[in-house]
């Protein structure tokens, strides 16, 4: 069985904001915590998807919704920061 590479998607998330993400992670503790939470959820989802026993228990969908909610909040912060620098 081929194992999926976990957390690769997070590194590719919002490539157009790569520099701004780095800056916000250093300067904004709230943004940094949300980013870390998103990465942790991504890792947890990835591991669950590799476990055929747990994948059918409905454990993944709530985690995916939470991850998407965090991603939306991260994007709004990035857009707001972009507008401030424009």
PDB file of N, CA and C in Angstrom:
ATOM      1  N   UNK A   1       0.831  -1.172   0.000  1.00  0.00           N
ATOM      2  CA  UNK A   1       0.000   0.000   0.000  1.00  0.00           C
ATOM      3  C   UNK A   1       0.886   1.249   0.000  1.00  0.00           C
ATOM      4  N   UNK A   2       0.598   2.168  -0.914  1.00  0.00           N
ATOM      5  CA  UNK A   2       1.371   3.395  -1.011  1.00  0.00           C
ATOM      6  C   UNK A   2       0.856   4.408   0.010  1.00  0.00           C
ATOM      7  N   UNK A   3       1.751   4.962   0.802  1.00  0.00           N
ATOM      8  CA  UNK A   3       1.366   5.939   1.810  1.00  0.00           C
ATOM      9  C   UNK A   3       1.315   7.335   1.207  1.00  0.00           C
ATOM     10  N   UNK A   4       0.295   8.051   1.568  1.00  0.00           N
ATOM     11  CA  UNK A   4       0.111   9.427   1.123  1.00  0.00           C
ATOM     12  C   UNK A   4       1.083  10.328   1.878  1.00  0.00           C
ATOM     13  N   UNK A   5       1.641  11.298   1.191  1.00  0.00           N
ATOM     14  CA  UNK A   5       2.526  12.255   1.839  1.00  0.00           C
ATOM     15  C   UNK A   5       1.668  13.279   2.569  1.00  0.00           C
ATOM     16  N   UNK A   6       1.804  13.314   3.874  1.00  0.00           N
ATOM     17  CA  UNK A   6       0.998  14.222   4.688  1.00  0.00           C
ATOM     18  C   UNK A   6       1.649  15.602   4.764  1.00  0.00           C
ATOM     19  N   UNK A   7       0.825  16.603   4.917  1.00  0.00           N
ATOM     20  CA  UNK A   7       1.215  18.007   5.097  1.00  0.00           C
ATOM     21  C   UNK A   7       1.835  18.647   3.869  1.00  0.00           C
ATOM     22  N   UNK A   8       1.851  17.966   2.740  1.00  0.00           N
ATOM     23  CA  UNK A   8       2.374  18.579   1.529  1.00  0.00           C
ATOM     24  C   UNK A   8       1.454  19.705   1.066  1.00  0.00           C
ATOM     25  N   UNK A   9       0.134  19.517   1.224  1.00  0.00           N
ATOM     26  CA  UNK A   9      -0.831  20.526   0.781  1.00  0.00           C
ATOM     27  C   UNK A   9      -0.669  21.825   1.554  1.00  0.00           C
ATOM     28  N   UNK A  10      -0.377  21.743   2.836  1.00  0.00           N
ATOM     29  CA  UNK A  10      -0.246  22.951   3.644  1.00  0.00           C
ATOM     30  C   UNK A  10       0.914  23.799   3.159  1.00  0.00           C
ATOM     31  N   UNK A  11       1.996  23.160   2.764  1.00  0.00           N
ATOM     32  CA  UNK A  11       3.147  23.899   2.269  1.00  0.00           C
ATOM     33  C   UNK A  11       2.834  24.590   0.949  1.00  0.00           C
ATOM     34  N   UNK A  12       1.879  24.056   0.193  1.00  0.00           N
ATOM     35  CA  UNK A  12       1.503  24.639  -1.087  1.00  0.00           C
ATOM     36  C   UNK A  12       0.323  25.598  -0.967  1.00  0.00           C
ATOM     37  N   UNK A  13      -0.234  25.744   0.207  1.00  0.00           N
ATOM     38  CA  UNK A  13      -1.412  26.571   0.411  1.00  0.00           C
ATOM     39  C   UNK A  13      -1.063  28.047   0.209  1.00  0.00           C
ATOM     40  N   UNK A  14      -1.862  28.741  -0.582  1.00  0.00           N
ATOM     41  CA  UNK A  14      -1.703  30.169  -0.857  1.00  0.00           C
ATOM     42  C   UNK A  14      -0.280  30.521  -1.308  1.00  0.00           C
ATOM     43  N   UNK A  15       0.206  29.916  -2.391  1.00  0.00           N
ATOM     44  CA  UNK A  15       1.586  30.196  -2.816  1.00  0.00           C
ATOM     45  C   UNK A  15       1.826  31.668  -3.143  1.00  0.00           C
ATOM     46  N   UNK A  16       0.783  32.377  -3.566  1.00  0.00           N
ATOM     47  CA  UNK A  16       0.942  33.792  -3.899  1.00  0.00           C
ATOM     48  C   UNK A  16       1.175  34.655  -2.653  1.00  0.00           C
ATOM     49  N   UNK A  17       0.926  34.087  -1.478  1.00  0.00           N
ATOM     50  CA  UNK A  17       1.105  34.806  -0.214  1.00  0.00           C
ATOM     51  C   UNK A  17       2.254  34.226   0.618  1.00  0.00           C
ATOM     52  N   UNK A  18       3.141  33.491  -0.002  1.00  0.00           N
ATOM     53  CA  UNK A  18       4.192  32.787   0.742  1.00  0.00           C
ATOM     54  C   UNK A  18       4.978  33.735   1.661  1.00  0.00           C
ATOM     55  N   UNK A  19       5.412  34.881   1.125  1.00  0.00           N
ATOM     56  CA  UNK A  19       6.191  35.821   1.940  1.00  0.00           C
ATOM     57  C   UNK A  19       5.344  36.423   3.055  1.00  0.00           C
ATOM     58  N   UNK A  20       4.103  36.755   2.734  1.00  0.00           N
ATOM     59  CA  UNK A  20       3.214  37.351   3.724  1.00  0.00           C
ATOM     60  C   UNK A  20       2.887  36.346   4.834  1.00  0.00           C
ATOM     61  N   UNK A  21       2.727  35.082   4.474  1.00  0.00           N
ATOM     62  CA  UNK A  21       2.468  34.040   5.479  1.00  0.00           C
ATOM     63  C   UNK A  21       3.634  33.969   6.456  1.00  0.00           C
ATOM     64  N   UNK A  22       4.850  33.969   5.918  1.00  0.00           N
ATOM     65  CA  UNK A  22       6.034  33.909   6.773  1.00  0.00           C
ATOM     66  C   UNK A  22       6.076  35.103   7.727  1.00  0.00           C
ATOM     67  N   UNK A  23       5.791  36.286   7.184  1.00  0.00           N
ATOM     68  CA  UNK A  23       5.809  37.498   8.007  1.00  0.00           C
ATOM     69  C   UNK A  23       4.727  37.459   9.084  1.00  0.00           C
ATOM     70  N   UNK A  24       3.517  37.056   8.707  1.00  0.00           N
ATOM     71  CA  UNK A  24       2.419  36.988   9.678  1.00  0.00           C
ATOM     72  C   UNK A  24       2.673  35.922  10.739  1.00  0.00           C
ATOM     73  N   UNK A  25       3.295  34.825  10.348  1.00  0.00           N
ATOM     74  CA  UNK A  25       3.595  33.783  11.345  1.00  0.00           C
ATOM     75  C   UNK A  25       4.584  34.297  12.382  1.00  0.00           C
ATOM     76  N   UNK A  26       5.471  35.192  11.965  1.00  0.00           N
ATOM     77  CA  UNK A  26       6.445  35.763  12.898  1.00  0.00           C
ATOM     78  C   UNK A  26       5.835  36.875  13.752  1.00  0.00           C
ATOM     79  N   UNK A  27       4.947  37.674  13.153  1.00  0.00           N
ATOM     80  CA  UNK A  27       4.444  38.884  13.812  1.00  0.00           C
ATOM     81  C   UNK A  27       3.081  38.736  14.483  1.00  0.00           C
ATOM     82  N   UNK A  28       2.303  37.751  14.085  1.00  0.00           N
ATOM     83  CA  UNK A  28       0.920  37.647  14.548  1.00  0.00           C
ATOM     84  C   UNK A  28       0.701  36.283  15.219  1.00  0.00           C
ATOM     85  N   UNK A  29       0.718  36.229  16.549  1.00  0.00           N
ATOM     86  CA  UNK A  29       0.563  34.949  17.249  1.00  0.00           C
ATOM     87  C   UNK A  29      -0.758  34.242  16.934  1.00  0.00           C
ATOM     88  N   UNK A  30      -1.823  35.018  16.739  1.00  0.00           N
ATOM     89  CA  UNK A  30      -3.129  34.422  16.412  1.00  0.00           C
ATOM     90  C   UNK A  30      -3.069  33.730  15.046  1.00  0.00           C
ATOM     91  N   UNK A  31      -2.497  34.397  14.060  1.00  0.00           N
ATOM     92  CA  UNK A  31      -2.356  33.809  12.727  1.00  0.00           C
ATOM     93  C   UNK A  31      -1.477  32.556  12.797  1.00  0.00           C
ATOM     94  N   UNK A  32      -0.372  32.653  13.517  1.00  0.00           N
ATOM     95  CA  UNK A  32       0.549  31.525  13.638  1.00  0.00           C
ATOM     96  C   UNK A  32      -0.134  30.314  14.275  1.00  0.00           C
ATOM     97  N   UNK A  33      -0.931  30.557  15.313  1.00  0.00           N
ATOM     98  CA  UNK A  33      -1.647  29.454  15.979  1.00  0.00           C
ATOM     99  C   UNK A  33      -2.656  28.820  15.036  1.00  0.00           C
ATOM    100  N   UNK A  34      -3.399  29.654  14.310  1.00  0.00           N
ATOM    101  CA  UNK A  34      -4.374  29.108  13.359  1.00  0.00           C
ATOM    102  C   UNK A  34      -3.673  28.301  12.267  1.00  0.00           C
ATOM    103  N   UNK A  35      -2.537  28.794  11.790  1.00  0.00           N
ATOM    104  CA  UNK A  35      -1.795  28.076  10.759  1.00  0.00           C
ATOM    105  C   UNK A  35      -1.324  26.723  11.294  1.00  0.00           C
ATOM    106  N   UNK A  36      -0.812  26.714  12.520  1.00  0.00           N
ATOM    107  CA  UNK A  36      -0.381  25.458  13.150  1.00  0.00           C
ATOM    108  C   UNK A  36      -1.559  24.506  13.351  1.00  0.00           C
ATOM    109  N   UNK A  37      -2.714  25.048  13.754  1.00  0.00           N
ATOM    110  CA  UNK A  37      -3.914  24.216  13.919  1.00  0.00           C
ATOM    111  C   UNK A  37      -4.329  23.597  12.586  1.00  0.00           C
ATOM    112  N   UNK A  38      -4.236  24.380  11.518  1.00  0.00           N
ATOM    113  CA  UNK A  38      -4.581  23.881  10.183  1.00  0.00           C
ATOM    114  C   UNK A  38      -3.641  22.738   9.795  1.00  0.00           C
ATOM    115  N   UNK A  39      -2.345  22.915  10.041  1.00  0.00           N
ATOM    116  CA  UNK A  39      -1.371  21.863   9.731  1.00  0.00           C
ATOM    117  C   UNK A  39      -1.643  20.596  10.544  1.00  0.00           C
ATOM    118  N   UNK A  40      -1.976  20.757  11.822  1.00  0.00           N
ATOM    119  CA  UNK A  40      -2.259  19.603  12.682  1.00  0.00           C
ATOM    120  C   UNK A  40      -3.499  18.857  12.197  1.00  0.00           C
ATOM    121  N   UNK A  41      -4.534  19.593  11.818  1.00  0.00           N
ATOM    122  CA  UNK A  41      -5.743  18.953  11.281  1.00  0.00           C
ATOM    123  C   UNK A  41      -5.439  18.234   9.975  1.00  0.00           C
ATOM    124  N   UNK A  42      -4.627  18.854   9.129  1.00  0.00           N
ATOM    125  CA  UNK A  42      -4.256  18.224   7.865  1.00  0.00           C
ATOM    126  C   UNK A  42      -3.542  16.897   8.116  1.00  0.00           C
ATOM    127  N   UNK A  43      -2.643  16.896   9.079  1.00  0.00           N
ATOM    128  CA  UNK A  43      -1.910  15.674   9.435  1.00  0.00           C
ATOM    129  C   UNK A  43      -2.865  14.610   9.978  1.00  0.00           C
ATOM    130  N   UNK A  44      -3.771  15.013  10.863  1.00  0.00           N
ATOM    131  CA  UNK A  44      -4.726  14.068  11.450  1.00  0.00           C
ATOM    132  C   UNK A  44      -5.639  13.472  10.378  1.00  0.00           C
ATOM    133  N   UNK A  45      -6.117  14.304   9.477  1.00  0.00           N
ATOM    134  CA  UNK A  45      -6.985  13.836   8.390  1.00  0.00           C
ATOM    135  C   UNK A  45      -6.228  12.874   7.492  1.00  0.00           C
ATOM    136  N   UNK A  46      -5.005  13.224   7.176  1.00  0.00           N
ATOM    137  CA  UNK A  46      -4.182  12.367   6.317  1.00  0.00           C
ATOM    138  C   UNK A  46      -3.994  10.983   6.943  1.00  0.00           C
ATOM    139  N   UNK A  47      -3.701  10.953   8.231  1.00  0.00           N
ATOM    140  CA  UNK A  47      -3.507   9.666   8.908  1.00  0.00           C
ATOM    141  C   UNK A  47      -4.805   8.864   8.973  1.00  0.00           C
ATOM    142  N   UNK A  48      -5.918   9.543   9.213  1.00  0.00           N
ATOM    143  CA  UNK A  48      -7.214   8.851   9.239  1.00  0.00           C
ATOM    144  C   UNK A  48      -7.560   8.270   7.871  1.00  0.00           C
ATOM    145  N   UNK A  49      -7.243   9.014   6.816  1.00  0.00           N
ATOM    146  CA  UNK A  49      -7.549   8.536   5.465  1.00  0.00           C
ATOM    147  C   UNK A  49      -6.743   7.292   5.105  1.00  0.00           C
ATOM    148  N   UNK A  50      -5.616   7.109   5.766  1.00  0.00           N
ATOM    149  CA  UNK A  50      -4.784   5.933   5.515  1.00  0.00           C
ATOM    150  C   UNK A  50      -5.213   4.725   6.340  1.00  0.00           C
ATOM    151  N   UNK A  51      -6.137   4.915   7.268  1.00  0.00           N
ATOM    152  CA  UNK A  51      -6.604   3.849   8.149  1.00  0.00           C
ATOM    153  C   UNK A  51      -7.972   3.364   7.668  1.00  0.00           C
ATOM    154  N   UNK A  52      -8.027   2.218   6.995  1.00  0.00           N
ATOM    155  CA  UNK A  52      -9.291   1.750   6.422  1.00  0.00           C
ATOM    156  C   UNK A  52     -10.378   1.461   7.461  1.00  0.00           C
ATOM    157  N   UNK A  53     -10.018   1.219   8.695  1.00  0.00           N
ATOM    158  CA  UNK A  53     -11.008   0.944   9.734  1.00  0.00           C
ATOM    159  C   UNK A  53     -11.704   2.236  10.159  1.00  0.00           C
ATOM    160  N   UNK A  54     -10.948   3.292  10.349  1.00  0.00           N
ATOM    161  CA  UNK A  54     -11.503   4.549  10.862  1.00  0.00           C
ATOM    162  C   UNK A  54     -12.101   5.428   9.771  1.00  0.00           C
ATOM    163  N   UNK A  55     -11.728   5.206   8.530  1.00  0.00           N
ATOM    164  CA  UNK A  55     -12.191   6.075   7.451  1.00  0.00           C
ATOM    165  C   UNK A  55     -13.704   6.005   7.273  1.00  0.00           C
ATOM    166  N   UNK A  56     -14.323   4.907   7.666  1.00  0.00           N
ATOM    167  CA  UNK A  56     -15.759   4.731   7.470  1.00  0.00           C
ATOM    168  C   UNK A  56     -16.587   5.120   8.691  1.00  0.00           C
ATOM    169  N   UNK A  57     -15.969   5.617   9.720  1.00  0.00           N
ATOM    170  CA  UNK A  57     -16.698   5.949  10.942  1.00  0.00           C
ATOM    171  C   UNK A  57     -17.202   7.388  10.973  1.00  0.00           C
ATOM    172  N   UNK A  58     -17.019   8.104   9.925  1.00  0.00           N
ATOM    173  CA  UNK A  58     -17.485   9.481   9.889  1.00  0.00           C
ATOM    174  C   UNK A  58     -16.661  10.440  10.726  1.00  0.00           C
ATOM    175  N   UNK A  59     -15.438  10.070  11.018  1.00  0.00           N
ATOM    176  CA  UNK A  59     -14.581  10.928  11.831  1.00  0.00           C
ATOM    177  C   UNK A  59     -13.909  12.014  11.004  1.00  0.00           C
ATOM    178  N   UNK A  60     -13.807  11.794   9.724  1.00  0.00           N
ATOM    179  CA  UNK A  60     -13.022  12.694   8.887  1.00  0.00           C
ATOM    180  C   UNK A  60     -13.792  13.954   8.498  1.00  0.00           C
ATOM    181  N   UNK A  61     -15.058  13.820   8.163  1.00  0.00           N
ATOM    182  CA  UNK A  61     -15.819  14.970   7.652  1.00  0.00           C
ATOM    183  C   UNK A  61     -15.854  16.162   8.610  1.00  0.00           C
ATOM    184  N   UNK A  62     -16.113  15.967   9.906  1.00  0.00           N
ATOM    185  CA  UNK A  62     -16.082  17.136  10.809  1.00  0.00           C
ATOM    186  C   UNK A  62     -14.700  17.798  10.858  1.00  0.00           C
ATOM    187  N   UNK A  63     -13.650  16.990  10.778  1.00  0.00           N
ATOM    188  CA  UNK A  63     -12.295  17.546  10.784  1.00  0.00           C
ATOM    189  C   UNK A  63     -12.037  18.351   9.517  1.00  0.00           C
ATOM    190  N   UNK A  64     -12.524  17.849   8.389  1.00  0.00           N
ATOM    191  CA  UNK A  64     -12.353  18.574   7.127  1.00  0.00           C
ATOM    192  C   UNK A  64     -13.103  19.898   7.152  1.00  0.00           C
ATOM    193  N   UNK A  65     -14.288  19.905   7.728  1.00  0.00           N
ATOM    194  CA  UNK A  65     -15.054  21.156   7.832  1.00  0.00           C
ATOM    195  C   UNK A  65     -14.322  22.166   8.728  1.00  0.00           C
ATOM    196  N   UNK A  66     -13.775  21.682   9.835  1.00  0.00           N
ATOM    197  CA  UNK A  66     -13.033  22.560  10.746  1.00  0.00           C
ATOM    198  C   UNK A  66     -11.784  23.111  10.056  1.00  0.00           C
ATOM    199  N   UNK A  67     -11.097  22.249   9.316  1.00  0.00           N
ATOM    200  CA  UNK A  67      -9.898  22.669   8.589  1.00  0.00           C
ATOM    201  C   UNK A  67     -10.242  23.731   7.547  1.00  0.00           C
ATOM    202  N   UNK A  68     -11.334  23.545   6.829  1.00  0.00           N
ATOM    203  CA  UNK A  68     -11.760  24.514   5.823  1.00  0.00           C
ATOM    204  C   UNK A  68     -12.141  25.840   6.477  1.00  0.00           C
ATOM    205  N   UNK A  69     -12.795  25.783   7.622  1.00  0.00           N
ATOM    206  CA  UNK A  69     -13.155  26.996   8.356  1.00  0.00           C
ATOM    207  C   UNK A  69     -11.898  27.787   8.724  1.00  0.00           C
ATOM    208  N   UNK A  70     -10.882  27.087   9.214  1.00  0.00           N
ATOM    209  CA  UNK A  70      -9.620  27.741   9.577  1.00  0.00           C
ATOM    210  C   UNK A  70      -8.949  28.314   8.332  1.00  0.00           C
ATOM    211  N   UNK A  71      -8.960  27.557   7.242  1.00  0.00           N
ATOM    212  CA  UNK A  71      -8.340  28.032   6.002  1.00  0.00           C
ATOM    213  C   UNK A  71      -9.021  29.310   5.518  1.00  0.00           C
ATOM    214  N   UNK A  72     -10.336  29.365   5.604  1.00  0.00           N
ATOM    215  CA  UNK A  72     -11.068  30.578   5.215  1.00  0.00           C
ATOM    216  C   UNK A  72     -10.658  31.769   6.088  1.00  0.00           C
ATOM    217  N   UNK A  73     -10.505  31.542   7.388  1.00  0.00           N
ATOM    218  CA  UNK A  73     -10.088  32.622   8.286  1.00  0.00           C
ATOM    219  C   UNK A  73      -8.669  33.082   7.955  1.00  0.00           C
ATOM    220  N   UNK A  74      -7.783  32.132   7.659  1.00  0.00           N
ATOM    221  CA  UNK A  74      -6.418  32.486   7.275  1.00  0.00           C
ATOM    222  C   UNK A  74      -6.427  33.345   6.013  1.00  0.00           C
ATOM    223  N   UNK A  75      -7.247  32.959   5.049  1.00  0.00           N
ATOM    224  CA  UNK A  75      -7.318  33.694   3.791  1.00  0.00           C
ATOM    225  C   UNK A  75      -7.818  35.124   4.024  1.00  0.00           C
ATOM    226  N   UNK A  76      -8.816  35.274   4.877  1.00  0.00           N
ATOM    227  CA  UNK A  76      -9.331  36.618   5.166  1.00  0.00           C
ATOM    228  C   UNK A  76      -8.261  37.498   5.814  1.00  0.00           C
ATOM    229  N   UNK A  77      -7.473  36.915   6.700  1.00  0.00           N
ATOM    230  CA  UNK A  77      -6.383  37.676   7.325  1.00  0.00           C
ATOM    231  C   UNK A  77      -5.353  38.072   6.272  1.00  0.00           C
ATOM    232  N   UNK A  78      -5.022  37.137   5.379  1.00  0.00           N
ATOM    233  CA  UNK A  78      -4.057  37.434   4.315  1.00  0.00           C
ATOM    234  C   UNK A  78      -4.566  38.542   3.397  1.00  0.00           C
ATOM    235  N   UNK A  79      -5.825  38.467   3.015  1.00  0.00           N
ATOM    236  CA  UNK A  79      -6.400  39.500   2.140  1.00  0.00           C
ATOM    237  C   UNK A  79      -6.407  40.855   2.849  1.00  0.00           C
ATOM    238  N   UNK A  80      -6.742  40.859   4.125  1.00  0.00           N
ATOM    239  CA  UNK A  80      -6.726  42.102   4.890  1.00  0.00           C
ATOM    240  C   UNK A  80      -5.329  42.690   4.983  1.00  0.00           C
ATOM    241  N   UNK A  81      -4.342  41.848   5.210  1.00  0.00           N
ATOM    242  CA  UNK A  81      -2.955  42.311   5.285  1.00  0.00           C
ATOM    243  C   UNK A  81      -2.486  42.820   3.927  1.00  0.00           C
ATOM    244  N   UNK A  82      -2.931  42.168   2.868  1.00  0.00           N
ATOM    245  CA  UNK A  82      -2.564  42.600   1.517  1.00  0.00           C
ATOM    246  C   UNK A  82      -3.144  43.985   1.226  1.00  0.00           C
ATOM    247  N   UNK A  83      -4.379  44.211   1.625  1.00  0.00           N
ATOM    248  CA  UNK A  83      -5.011  45.515   1.398  1.00  0.00           C
ATOM    249  C   UNK A  83      -4.294  46.624   2.173  1.00  0.00           C
ATOM    250  N   UNK A  84      -3.808  46.296   3.369  1.00  0.00           N
ATOM    251  CA  UNK A  84      -3.092  47.290   4.177  1.00  0.00           C
ATOM    252  C   UNK A  84      -1.763  47.677   3.547  1.00  0.00           C
ATOM    253  N   UNK A  85      -1.129  46.742   2.844  1.00  0.00           N
ATOM    254  CA  UNK A  85       0.177  47.025   2.238  1.00  0.00           C
ATOM    255  C   UNK A  85       0.051  47.620   0.843  1.00  0.00           C
ATOM    256  N   UNK A  86      -1.142  47.600   0.284  1.00  0.00           N
ATOM    257  CA  UNK A  86      -1.339  48.140  -1.075  1.00  0.00           C
ATOM    258  C   UNK A  86      -1.462  49.640  -1.068  1.00  0.00           C
TER     259      UNK A  86
END
